[in-house]
Amino acid sequence: MAEATSDDIPDREAKKQLSRFRDKVEEEAIEHQMAYLNITPMMDMMTILLVFLLKQFAVQQSAAAMSDGLQLPSSTIELQKPPGVMISVTQTAIIVDGDAVAPVRNGSVDASLKKGGANSLEIIPLVSTLDKHRKRMQQLQLMTNGATKWDNTATVLIDKNTPYRLVTEVIYSAGQAEFSQYRLTVIKKND
């Protein structure tokens, strides 16, 4: 049997000291945790906002640079509105915020891309894409506590040679995705 030295502590006293030490460590950890601010979720939110704003800025700039298949009609209106989702209808495609969603041939969209066939007004890929944009904008509004508002407005750029039937289909499809307000973009006519 080992001999007890003067430095040995009885088991009962050692357990009490260990318990006190453990409680002290846990208490300090809790105090330290309360003082610690977790900024990771805030950084995530700010990153999402930054990407959204950069994408919106890029879309505004790209809308100003017209492609070969898009010639806007002229107008004398002076009013400039803030941007929403940008829908462009060229002679060759329907484009939402810079991404082509449906091809246009001879002034119409293929019947296979419409919900009810050739006579339908609803263009399935356009509604699907606009739904994604609407959900993204509504999520952004929730994340910013209403600072960034979703106003259900779509800015529509339509080539001046586009048949009225295709214009109707685009506006109807936007309405199906809950974009009930429209801004038709034109080029200001010089006097």
N, C-alpha and C. Protein backbone atom coordinates (compact mmCIF):
# COMPACT_ATOMS: atom_id res chain seq x y z
N MET A 1 0.83 -1.17 0.00
CA MET A 1 0.00 0.00 0.00
C MET A 1 0.88 1.24 0.00
N ALA A 2 0.48 2.26 -0.77
CA ALA A 2 1.29 3.48 -0.85
C ALA A 2 1.09 4.32 0.37
N GLU A 3 2.16 4.95 0.77
CA GLU A 3 2.08 5.81 1.95
C GLU A 3 1.53 7.17 1.56
N ALA A 4 0.74 7.76 2.45
CA ALA A 4 0.16 9.08 2.21
C ALA A 4 1.20 10.13 2.56
N THR A 5 1.36 11.12 1.69
CA THR A 5 2.28 12.23 1.96
C THR A 5 1.48 13.41 2.43
N SER A 6 2.21 14.44 2.87
CA SER A 6 1.53 15.63 3.38
C SER A 6 0.82 16.41 2.28
N ASP A 7 1.19 16.18 0.99
CA ASP A 7 0.56 16.89 -0.13
C ASP A 7 -0.72 16.22 -0.61
N ASP A 8 -1.01 15.01 -0.17
CA ASP A 8 -2.20 14.29 -0.61
C ASP A 8 -3.45 14.95 -0.03
N ILE A 9 -4.50 14.99 -0.86
CA ILE A 9 -5.79 15.55 -0.45
C ILE A 9 -6.77 14.39 -0.39
N PRO A 10 -7.57 14.35 0.65
CA PRO A 10 -8.56 13.26 0.73
C PRO A 10 -9.49 13.29 -0.49
N ASP A 11 -10.00 12.14 -0.88
CA ASP A 11 -10.86 12.01 -2.07
C ASP A 11 -12.07 12.93 -2.02
N ARG A 12 -12.70 13.02 -0.90
CA ARG A 12 -13.89 13.84 -0.76
C ARG A 12 -13.55 15.31 -1.00
N GLU A 13 -12.49 15.80 -0.44
CA GLU A 13 -12.06 17.19 -0.62
C GLU A 13 -11.64 17.44 -2.07
N ALA A 14 -10.97 16.47 -2.71
CA ALA A 14 -10.54 16.61 -4.10
C ALA A 14 -11.76 16.74 -5.02
N LYS A 15 -12.79 15.94 -4.77
CA LYS A 15 -14.01 16.00 -5.58
C LYS A 15 -14.70 17.35 -5.43
N LYS A 16 -14.70 17.93 -4.20
CA LYS A 16 -15.31 19.24 -3.97
C LYS A 16 -14.55 20.31 -4.73
N GLN A 17 -13.21 20.26 -4.66
CA GLN A 17 -12.40 21.25 -5.35
C GLN A 17 -12.57 21.14 -6.88
N LEU A 18 -12.61 19.91 -7.37
CA LEU A 18 -12.81 19.68 -8.81
C LEU A 18 -14.19 20.20 -9.24
N SER A 19 -15.21 19.96 -8.42
CA SER A 19 -16.56 20.44 -8.74
C SER A 19 -16.60 21.97 -8.76
N ARG A 20 -15.95 22.62 -7.77
CA ARG A 20 -15.90 24.10 -7.74
C ARG A 20 -15.17 24.64 -8.95
N PHE A 21 -14.06 24.00 -9.32
CA PHE A 21 -13.29 24.43 -10.47
C PHE A 21 -14.11 24.29 -11.75
N ARG A 22 -14.84 23.17 -11.92
CA ARG A 22 -15.67 22.94 -13.08
C ARG A 22 -16.78 23.99 -13.17
N ASP A 23 -17.43 24.29 -12.02
CA ASP A 23 -18.49 25.32 -12.01
C ASP A 23 -17.93 26.68 -12.40
N LYS A 24 -16.74 27.00 -11.94
CA LYS A 24 -16.11 28.29 -12.24
C LYS A 24 -15.80 28.38 -13.74
N VAL A 25 -15.29 27.31 -14.32
CA VAL A 25 -14.98 27.29 -15.75
C VAL A 25 -16.26 27.45 -16.57
N GLU A 26 -17.33 26.74 -16.20
CA GLU A 26 -18.60 26.85 -16.92
C GLU A 26 -19.18 28.25 -16.80
N GLU A 27 -19.07 28.84 -15.62
CA GLU A 27 -19.59 30.19 -15.41
C GLU A 27 -18.83 31.20 -16.27
N GLU A 28 -17.52 31.08 -16.33
CA GLU A 28 -16.73 31.98 -17.17
C GLU A 28 -17.04 31.77 -18.65
N ALA A 29 -17.29 30.53 -19.05
CA ALA A 29 -17.63 30.25 -20.44
C ALA A 29 -18.96 30.90 -20.81
N ILE A 30 -19.92 30.85 -19.91
CA ILE A 30 -21.23 31.46 -20.17
C ILE A 30 -21.08 32.98 -20.27
N GLU A 31 -20.31 33.58 -19.36
CA GLU A 31 -20.09 35.03 -19.42
C GLU A 31 -19.38 35.41 -20.71
N HIS A 32 -18.40 34.62 -21.11
CA HIS A 32 -17.65 34.89 -22.33
C HIS A 32 -18.57 34.74 -23.55
N GLN A 33 -19.45 33.75 -23.53
CA GLN A 33 -20.35 33.51 -24.64
C GLN A 33 -21.34 34.66 -24.78
N MET A 34 -21.81 35.22 -23.70
CA MET A 34 -22.75 36.33 -23.77
C MET A 34 -22.07 37.58 -24.34
N ALA A 35 -20.81 37.75 -24.07
CA ALA A 35 -20.10 38.91 -24.56
C ALA A 35 -19.72 38.74 -26.03
N TYR A 36 -19.77 37.52 -26.54
CA TYR A 36 -19.38 37.23 -27.91
C TYR A 36 -20.55 37.52 -28.85
N LEU A 37 -20.30 38.28 -29.91
CA LEU A 37 -21.33 38.61 -30.90
C LEU A 37 -21.05 37.83 -32.17
N ASN A 38 -21.98 37.00 -32.57
CA ASN A 38 -21.82 36.19 -33.77
C ASN A 38 -22.26 37.02 -34.97
N ILE A 39 -21.33 37.45 -35.80
CA ILE A 39 -21.66 38.31 -36.94
C ILE A 39 -21.80 37.51 -38.25
N THR A 40 -21.62 36.21 -38.20
CA THR A 40 -21.72 35.41 -39.42
C THR A 40 -23.07 35.56 -40.12
N PRO A 41 -24.22 35.46 -39.40
CA PRO A 41 -25.50 35.65 -40.11
C PRO A 41 -25.65 37.05 -40.71
N MET A 42 -25.13 38.06 -40.01
CA MET A 42 -25.22 39.42 -40.55
C MET A 42 -24.36 39.56 -41.80
N MET A 43 -23.20 38.92 -41.82
CA MET A 43 -22.33 38.97 -42.99
C MET A 43 -23.00 38.25 -44.17
N ASP A 44 -23.67 37.15 -43.88
CA ASP A 44 -24.39 36.43 -44.94
C ASP A 44 -25.46 37.32 -45.55
N MET A 45 -26.22 37.99 -44.70
CA MET A 45 -27.29 38.86 -45.18
C MET A 45 -26.70 40.01 -46.01
N MET A 46 -25.62 40.61 -45.55
CA MET A 46 -25.01 41.72 -46.28
C MET A 46 -24.46 41.25 -47.62
N THR A 47 -23.93 40.03 -47.67
CA THR A 47 -23.42 39.49 -48.92
C THR A 47 -24.56 39.30 -49.91
N ILE A 48 -25.68 38.77 -49.45
CA ILE A 48 -26.84 38.59 -50.32
C ILE A 48 -27.33 39.94 -50.84
N LEU A 49 -27.40 40.93 -49.96
CA LEU A 49 -27.83 42.26 -50.39
C LEU A 49 -26.87 42.85 -51.43
N LEU A 50 -25.57 42.69 -51.19
CA LEU A 50 -24.58 43.22 -52.11
C LEU A 50 -24.71 42.56 -53.49
N VAL A 51 -24.86 41.24 -53.52
CA VAL A 51 -25.00 40.53 -54.79
C VAL A 51 -26.27 40.99 -55.51
N PHE A 52 -27.37 41.11 -54.76
CA PHE A 52 -28.62 41.56 -55.35
C PHE A 52 -28.48 42.95 -55.96
N LEU A 53 -27.88 43.89 -55.21
CA LEU A 53 -27.74 45.26 -55.70
C LEU A 53 -26.80 45.32 -56.90
N LEU A 54 -25.72 44.56 -56.87
CA LEU A 54 -24.81 44.54 -58.01
C LEU A 54 -25.50 43.98 -59.25
N LYS A 55 -26.32 42.94 -59.06
CA LYS A 55 -27.04 42.35 -60.20
C LYS A 55 -28.04 43.37 -60.76
N GLN A 56 -28.74 44.07 -59.88
CA GLN A 56 -29.70 45.08 -60.34
C GLN A 56 -28.98 46.19 -61.11
N PHE A 57 -27.82 46.62 -60.61
CA PHE A 57 -27.06 47.67 -61.28
C PHE A 57 -26.60 47.19 -62.65
N ALA A 58 -26.12 45.95 -62.72
CA ALA A 58 -25.66 45.40 -63.99
C ALA A 58 -26.80 45.31 -64.99
N VAL A 59 -27.99 44.94 -64.52
CA VAL A 59 -29.14 44.83 -65.41
C VAL A 59 -29.52 46.20 -65.95
N GLN A 60 -29.47 47.22 -65.10
CA GLN A 60 -29.79 48.57 -65.55
C GLN A 60 -28.84 49.00 -66.66
N GLN A 61 -27.56 48.73 -66.46
CA GLN A 61 -26.58 49.12 -67.46
C GLN A 61 -26.76 48.33 -68.75
N SER A 62 -27.05 47.04 -68.64
CA SER A 62 -27.22 46.23 -69.85
C SER A 62 -28.49 46.61 -70.60
N ALA A 63 -29.49 47.08 -69.90
CA ALA A 63 -30.73 47.49 -70.56
C ALA A 63 -30.49 48.72 -71.42
N ALA A 64 -29.56 49.57 -70.99
CA ALA A 64 -29.28 50.77 -71.75
C ALA A 64 -28.55 50.44 -73.06
N ALA A 65 -27.74 49.39 -73.06
CA ALA A 65 -27.04 48.98 -74.27
C ALA A 65 -27.94 48.02 -75.03
N MET A 66 -28.52 48.49 -76.11
CA MET A 66 -29.49 47.68 -76.84
C MET A 66 -28.80 46.72 -77.80
N SER A 67 -29.41 45.57 -77.95
CA SER A 67 -28.88 44.58 -78.88
C SER A 67 -29.40 44.85 -80.28
N ASP A 68 -28.89 44.08 -81.24
CA ASP A 68 -29.31 44.26 -82.63
C ASP A 68 -30.79 43.95 -82.84
N GLY A 69 -31.32 43.00 -82.06
CA GLY A 69 -32.70 42.59 -82.25
C GLY A 69 -33.70 43.39 -81.44
N LEU A 70 -33.29 44.54 -80.89
CA LEU A 70 -34.20 45.32 -80.04
C LEU A 70 -34.12 46.79 -80.42
N GLN A 71 -35.21 47.31 -80.97
CA GLN A 71 -35.31 48.72 -81.29
C GLN A 71 -36.54 49.26 -80.56
N LEU A 72 -36.31 50.11 -79.58
CA LEU A 72 -37.42 50.64 -78.78
C LEU A 72 -38.14 51.76 -79.53
N PRO A 73 -39.46 51.89 -79.31
CA PRO A 73 -40.19 53.01 -79.89
C PRO A 73 -39.80 54.31 -79.20
N SER A 74 -40.10 55.45 -79.80
CA SER A 74 -39.74 56.75 -79.23
C SER A 74 -40.92 57.34 -78.48
N SER A 75 -40.58 58.25 -77.53
CA SER A 75 -41.61 58.93 -76.75
C SER A 75 -41.07 60.27 -76.29
N THR A 76 -41.99 61.14 -75.86
CA THR A 76 -41.57 62.44 -75.35
C THR A 76 -41.69 62.52 -73.83
N ILE A 77 -41.96 61.42 -73.19
CA ILE A 77 -42.14 61.40 -71.74
C ILE A 77 -40.83 61.75 -71.04
N GLU A 78 -40.92 62.44 -69.90
CA GLU A 78 -39.75 62.90 -69.17
C GLU A 78 -39.50 62.07 -67.90
N LEU A 79 -40.47 61.31 -67.48
CA LEU A 79 -40.42 60.63 -66.19
C LEU A 79 -39.51 59.41 -66.22
N GLN A 80 -38.67 59.26 -65.17
CA GLN A 80 -37.81 58.08 -65.05
C GLN A 80 -38.17 57.37 -63.75
N LYS A 81 -38.46 56.09 -63.83
CA LYS A 81 -38.90 55.31 -62.66
C LYS A 81 -37.76 54.43 -62.17
N PRO A 82 -37.80 54.06 -60.88
CA PRO A 82 -36.80 53.12 -60.38
C PRO A 82 -37.02 51.73 -61.00
N PRO A 83 -35.94 50.95 -61.15
CA PRO A 83 -36.08 49.67 -61.85
C PRO A 83 -36.73 48.59 -61.01
N GLY A 84 -37.35 47.65 -61.69
CA GLY A 84 -37.87 46.43 -61.08
C GLY A 84 -37.24 45.28 -61.83
N VAL A 85 -37.98 44.23 -62.06
CA VAL A 85 -37.48 43.14 -62.90
C VAL A 85 -37.52 43.63 -64.34
N MET A 86 -36.47 43.34 -65.08
CA MET A 86 -36.36 43.80 -66.47
C MET A 86 -36.70 42.66 -67.41
N ILE A 87 -37.77 42.84 -68.22
CA ILE A 87 -38.17 41.85 -69.23
C ILE A 87 -37.94 42.50 -70.59
N SER A 88 -37.10 41.87 -71.40
CA SER A 88 -36.84 42.37 -72.75
C SER A 88 -37.41 41.39 -73.77
N VAL A 89 -38.10 41.92 -74.77
CA VAL A 89 -38.63 41.09 -75.85
C VAL A 89 -37.95 41.57 -77.13
N THR A 90 -37.02 40.76 -77.63
CA THR A 90 -36.32 41.10 -78.86
C THR A 90 -36.96 40.32 -80.00
N GLN A 91 -36.40 40.44 -81.18
CA GLN A 91 -36.91 39.70 -82.33
C GLN A 91 -36.55 38.22 -82.25
N THR A 92 -35.60 37.87 -81.32
CA THR A 92 -35.15 36.48 -81.24
C THR A 92 -35.37 35.80 -79.90
N ALA A 93 -35.66 36.57 -78.83
CA ALA A 93 -35.78 35.93 -77.50
C ALA A 93 -36.53 36.83 -76.52
N ILE A 94 -37.04 36.18 -75.46
CA ILE A 94 -37.57 36.88 -74.30
C ILE A 94 -36.49 36.75 -73.23
N ILE A 95 -36.06 37.89 -72.68
CA ILE A 95 -34.94 37.92 -71.75
C ILE A 95 -35.40 38.53 -70.43
N VAL A 96 -35.07 37.87 -69.31
CA VAL A 96 -35.40 38.40 -67.98
C VAL A 96 -34.09 38.67 -67.25
N ASP A 97 -33.87 39.93 -66.91
CA ASP A 97 -32.65 40.36 -66.22
C ASP A 97 -31.38 39.80 -66.85
N GLY A 98 -31.31 39.85 -68.17
CA GLY A 98 -30.10 39.43 -68.87
C GLY A 98 -30.03 37.97 -69.25
N ASP A 99 -30.98 37.14 -68.80
CA ASP A 99 -30.98 35.71 -69.11
C ASP A 99 -32.12 35.37 -70.06
N ALA A 100 -31.79 34.75 -71.19
CA ALA A 100 -32.82 34.36 -72.16
C ALA A 100 -33.66 33.22 -71.57
N VAL A 101 -34.98 33.38 -71.63
CA VAL A 101 -35.87 32.35 -71.07
C VAL A 101 -36.71 31.64 -72.13
N ALA A 102 -36.92 32.28 -73.27
CA ALA A 102 -37.72 31.65 -74.33
C ALA A 102 -37.32 32.24 -75.68
N PRO A 103 -37.14 31.38 -76.69
CA PRO A 103 -36.83 31.89 -78.03
C PRO A 103 -38.08 32.46 -78.70
N VAL A 104 -37.85 33.46 -79.56
CA VAL A 104 -38.94 34.06 -80.34
C VAL A 104 -38.62 33.83 -81.81
N ARG A 105 -39.57 33.24 -82.52
CA ARG A 105 -39.39 33.01 -83.97
C ARG A 105 -40.61 33.55 -84.70
N ASN A 106 -40.34 34.38 -85.68
CA ASN A 106 -41.42 34.99 -86.49
C ASN A 106 -42.45 35.69 -85.62
N GLY A 107 -42.01 36.36 -84.57
CA GLY A 107 -42.91 37.13 -83.72
C GLY A 107 -43.75 36.34 -82.75
N SER A 108 -43.40 35.07 -82.50
CA SER A 108 -44.17 34.29 -81.54
C SER A 108 -43.28 33.29 -80.81
N VAL A 109 -43.82 32.77 -79.71
CA VAL A 109 -43.14 31.76 -78.91
C VAL A 109 -43.70 30.40 -79.31
N ASP A 110 -42.84 29.39 -79.35
CA ASP A 110 -43.26 28.04 -79.73
C ASP A 110 -44.41 27.56 -78.83
N ALA A 111 -45.38 26.89 -79.42
CA ALA A 111 -46.57 26.42 -78.69
C ALA A 111 -46.20 25.44 -77.57
N SER A 112 -45.10 24.71 -77.71
CA SER A 112 -44.70 23.75 -76.67
C SER A 112 -44.27 24.46 -75.38
N LEU A 113 -43.97 25.75 -75.45
CA LEU A 113 -43.57 26.52 -74.27
C LEU A 113 -44.75 27.23 -73.60
N LYS A 114 -45.95 27.01 -74.12
CA LYS A 114 -47.15 27.64 -73.56
C LYS A 114 -47.94 26.61 -72.78
N LYS A 115 -48.60 27.06 -71.74
CA LYS A 115 -49.33 26.15 -70.85
C LYS A 115 -50.46 25.39 -71.53
N GLY A 116 -51.19 26.04 -72.39
CA GLY A 116 -52.35 25.38 -73.01
C GLY A 116 -52.22 25.23 -74.51
N GLY A 117 -51.02 25.27 -75.04
CA GLY A 117 -50.83 25.13 -76.48
C GLY A 117 -50.74 26.46 -77.18
N ALA A 118 -50.90 26.43 -78.50
CA ALA A 118 -50.67 27.61 -79.35
C ALA A 118 -51.58 28.79 -79.02
N ASN A 119 -52.82 28.54 -78.61
CA ASN A 119 -53.76 29.64 -78.33
C ASN A 119 -53.66 30.19 -76.91
N SER A 120 -52.82 29.59 -76.08
CA SER A 120 -52.67 30.03 -74.70
C SER A 120 -51.86 31.32 -74.62
N LEU A 121 -52.09 32.09 -73.58
CA LEU A 121 -51.33 33.32 -73.37
C LEU A 121 -50.16 33.12 -72.41
N GLU A 122 -50.16 32.03 -71.65
CA GLU A 122 -49.16 31.84 -70.61
C GLU A 122 -47.90 31.14 -71.14
N ILE A 123 -46.78 31.84 -71.05
CA ILE A 123 -45.48 31.30 -71.47
C ILE A 123 -44.82 30.69 -70.24
N ILE A 124 -44.74 29.37 -70.19
CA ILE A 124 -44.30 28.64 -68.99
C ILE A 124 -42.91 29.06 -68.49
N PRO A 125 -41.86 29.11 -69.34
CA PRO A 125 -40.54 29.47 -68.80
C PRO A 125 -40.48 30.91 -68.28
N LEU A 126 -41.27 31.80 -68.87
CA LEU A 126 -41.30 33.19 -68.40
C LEU A 126 -41.95 33.27 -67.02
N VAL A 127 -43.07 32.59 -66.84
CA VAL A 127 -43.75 32.59 -65.53
C VAL A 127 -42.83 31.98 -64.47
N SER A 128 -42.17 30.88 -64.80
CA SER A 128 -41.27 30.21 -63.86
C SER A 128 -40.13 31.12 -63.43
N THR A 129 -39.50 31.78 -64.38
CA THR A 129 -38.37 32.68 -64.07
C THR A 129 -38.84 33.87 -63.25
N LEU A 130 -39.98 34.45 -63.62
CA LEU A 130 -40.50 35.61 -62.88
C LEU A 130 -40.92 35.21 -61.46
N ASP A 131 -41.44 33.99 -61.29
CA ASP A 131 -41.77 33.50 -59.95
C ASP A 131 -40.52 33.48 -59.07
N LYS A 132 -39.41 33.00 -59.63
CA LYS A 132 -38.15 32.96 -58.87
C LYS A 132 -37.71 34.37 -58.48
N HIS A 133 -37.82 35.32 -59.41
CA HIS A 133 -37.46 36.71 -59.11
C HIS A 133 -38.38 37.31 -58.04
N ARG A 134 -39.67 37.01 -58.14
CA ARG A 134 -40.61 37.53 -57.14
C ARG A 134 -40.27 36.99 -55.76
N LYS A 135 -40.03 35.69 -55.67
CA LYS A 135 -39.69 35.09 -54.37
C LYS A 135 -38.40 35.67 -53.82
N ARG A 136 -37.42 35.90 -54.69
CA ARG A 136 -36.15 36.50 -54.26
C ARG A 136 -36.38 37.91 -53.73
N MET A 137 -37.19 38.70 -54.44
CA MET A 137 -37.46 40.07 -54.00
C MET A 137 -38.26 40.10 -52.70
N GLN A 138 -39.21 39.18 -52.55
CA GLN A 138 -39.98 39.13 -51.31
C GLN A 138 -39.09 38.69 -50.15
N GLN A 139 -38.18 37.75 -50.40
CA GLN A 139 -37.23 37.32 -49.36
C GLN A 139 -36.32 38.47 -48.96
N LEU A 140 -35.88 39.25 -49.94
CA LEU A 140 -35.04 40.41 -49.65
C LEU A 140 -35.80 41.43 -48.81
N GLN A 141 -37.07 41.62 -49.11
CA GLN A 141 -37.88 42.54 -48.33
C GLN A 141 -37.98 42.06 -46.88
N LEU A 142 -38.17 40.76 -46.68
CA LEU A 142 -38.23 40.21 -45.32
C LEU A 142 -36.90 40.37 -44.60
N MET A 143 -35.81 40.10 -45.30
CA MET A 143 -34.48 40.17 -44.68
C MET A 143 -34.10 41.59 -44.29
N THR A 144 -34.60 42.57 -45.02
CA THR A 144 -34.26 43.97 -44.73
C THR A 144 -35.35 44.66 -43.91
N ASN A 145 -36.29 43.88 -43.39
CA ASN A 145 -37.39 44.43 -42.60
C ASN A 145 -38.13 45.54 -43.33
N GLY A 146 -38.33 45.36 -44.63
CA GLY A 146 -39.11 46.31 -45.41
C GLY A 146 -38.32 47.47 -45.98
N ALA A 147 -37.01 47.56 -45.71
CA ALA A 147 -36.21 48.66 -46.26
C ALA A 147 -36.15 48.58 -47.78
N THR A 148 -36.07 47.37 -48.32
CA THR A 148 -36.13 47.16 -49.76
C THR A 148 -37.51 46.59 -50.06
N LYS A 149 -38.32 47.36 -50.76
CA LYS A 149 -39.70 46.94 -50.98
C LYS A 149 -39.87 46.27 -52.34
N TRP A 150 -40.71 45.24 -52.35
CA TRP A 150 -41.11 44.60 -53.59
C TRP A 150 -42.41 45.25 -54.01
N ASP A 151 -42.40 45.89 -55.19
CA ASP A 151 -43.59 46.64 -55.60
C ASP A 151 -44.32 46.00 -56.79
N ASN A 152 -44.11 44.74 -57.04
CA ASN A 152 -44.75 43.96 -58.11
C ASN A 152 -44.75 44.65 -59.47
N THR A 153 -43.65 45.36 -59.77
CA THR A 153 -43.53 46.09 -61.02
C THR A 153 -42.47 45.45 -61.91
N ALA A 154 -42.81 45.27 -63.17
CA ALA A 154 -41.87 44.77 -64.17
C ALA A 154 -41.61 45.86 -65.20
N THR A 155 -40.35 46.08 -65.49
CA THR A 155 -39.98 47.01 -66.55
C THR A 155 -39.87 46.21 -67.84
N VAL A 156 -40.63 46.60 -68.86
CA VAL A 156 -40.72 45.82 -70.09
C VAL A 156 -40.13 46.62 -71.25
N LEU A 157 -39.14 46.02 -71.91
CA LEU A 157 -38.54 46.59 -73.12
C LEU A 157 -38.99 45.71 -74.27
N ILE A 158 -39.71 46.28 -75.22
CA ILE A 158 -40.25 45.49 -76.32
C ILE A 158 -39.84 46.13 -77.64
N ASP A 159 -39.32 45.30 -78.53
CA ASP A 159 -38.94 45.77 -79.85
C ASP A 159 -40.16 46.38 -80.53
N LYS A 160 -39.96 47.49 -81.24
CA LYS A 160 -41.10 48.19 -81.84
C LYS A 160 -41.79 47.38 -82.94
N ASN A 161 -41.17 46.34 -83.44
CA ASN A 161 -41.76 45.51 -84.49
C ASN A 161 -42.42 44.24 -83.93
N THR A 162 -42.53 44.13 -82.62
CA THR A 162 -43.11 42.94 -81.99
C THR A 162 -44.63 42.92 -82.19
N PRO A 163 -45.19 41.78 -82.60
CA PRO A 163 -46.65 41.69 -82.75
C PRO A 163 -47.36 41.88 -81.40
N TYR A 164 -48.54 42.47 -81.46
CA TYR A 164 -49.29 42.74 -80.23
C TYR A 164 -49.63 41.46 -79.47
N ARG A 165 -49.85 40.36 -80.17
CA ARG A 165 -50.16 39.08 -79.52
C ARG A 165 -49.03 38.68 -78.57
N LEU A 166 -47.77 38.83 -78.99
CA LEU A 166 -46.63 38.47 -78.15
C LEU A 166 -46.53 39.42 -76.96
N VAL A 167 -46.81 40.70 -77.17
CA VAL A 167 -46.82 41.67 -76.07
C VAL A 167 -47.86 41.23 -75.03
N THR A 168 -49.03 40.86 -75.48
CA THR A 168 -50.10 40.40 -74.59
C THR A 168 -49.68 39.15 -73.82
N GLU A 169 -49.03 38.20 -74.50
CA GLU A 169 -48.58 36.98 -73.84
C GLU A 169 -47.55 37.28 -72.75
N VAL A 170 -46.63 38.19 -73.03
CA VAL A 170 -45.59 38.55 -72.05
C VAL A 170 -46.24 39.21 -70.83
N ILE A 171 -47.13 40.15 -71.05
CA ILE A 171 -47.77 40.86 -69.94
C ILE A 171 -48.67 39.91 -69.14
N TYR A 172 -49.40 39.03 -69.84
CA TYR A 172 -50.24 38.05 -69.16
C TYR A 172 -49.37 37.11 -68.29
N SER A 173 -48.27 36.63 -68.85
CA SER A 173 -47.38 35.72 -68.12
C SER A 173 -46.78 36.42 -66.90
N ALA A 174 -46.42 37.68 -67.03
CA ALA A 174 -45.90 38.44 -65.89
C ALA A 174 -46.97 38.55 -64.81
N GLY A 175 -48.22 38.76 -65.23
CA GLY A 175 -49.33 38.82 -64.27
C GLY A 175 -49.52 37.51 -63.53
N GLN A 176 -49.30 36.38 -64.21
CA GLN A 176 -49.42 35.07 -63.56
C GLN A 176 -48.35 34.88 -62.49
N ALA A 177 -47.22 35.60 -62.61
CA ALA A 177 -46.15 35.53 -61.61
C ALA A 177 -46.29 36.66 -60.59
N GLU A 178 -47.46 37.31 -60.55
CA GLU A 178 -47.81 38.37 -59.61
C GLU A 178 -47.10 39.68 -59.85
N PHE A 179 -46.65 39.93 -61.09
CA PHE A 179 -46.14 41.24 -61.48
C PHE A 179 -47.30 41.95 -62.18
N SER A 180 -48.07 42.68 -61.41
CA SER A 180 -49.28 43.29 -61.96
C SER A 180 -49.08 44.74 -62.41
N GLN A 181 -47.92 45.31 -62.16
CA GLN A 181 -47.60 46.67 -62.59
C GLN A 181 -46.55 46.58 -63.69
N TYR A 182 -46.65 47.46 -64.70
CA TYR A 182 -45.71 47.41 -65.83
C TYR A 182 -45.20 48.80 -66.14
N ARG A 183 -43.94 48.84 -66.52
CA ARG A 183 -43.35 50.06 -67.07
C ARG A 183 -42.86 49.71 -68.46
N LEU A 184 -43.43 50.31 -69.46
CA LEU A 184 -42.97 50.08 -70.83
C LEU A 184 -41.90 51.12 -71.12
N THR A 185 -40.76 50.66 -71.58
CA THR A 185 -39.62 51.55 -71.82
C THR A 185 -39.56 51.96 -73.28
N VAL A 186 -39.29 53.23 -73.47
CA VAL A 186 -39.19 53.80 -74.81
C VAL A 186 -37.93 54.69 -74.86
N ILE A 187 -37.57 55.10 -76.05
CA ILE A 187 -36.46 56.03 -76.24
C ILE A 187 -37.06 57.42 -76.37
N LYS A 188 -36.47 58.38 -75.68
CA LYS A 188 -36.98 59.75 -75.73
C LYS A 188 -36.73 60.33 -77.13
N LYS A 189 -37.80 60.86 -77.71
CA LYS A 189 -37.73 61.44 -79.05
C LYS A 189 -37.11 62.83 -78.95
N ASN A 190 -36.13 63.08 -79.77
CA ASN A 190 -35.53 64.41 -79.81
C ASN A 190 -36.39 65.33 -80.67
N ASP A 191 -36.65 66.52 -80.14
CA ASP A 191 -37.52 67.47 -80.85
C ASP A 191 -36.79 68.15 -81.98
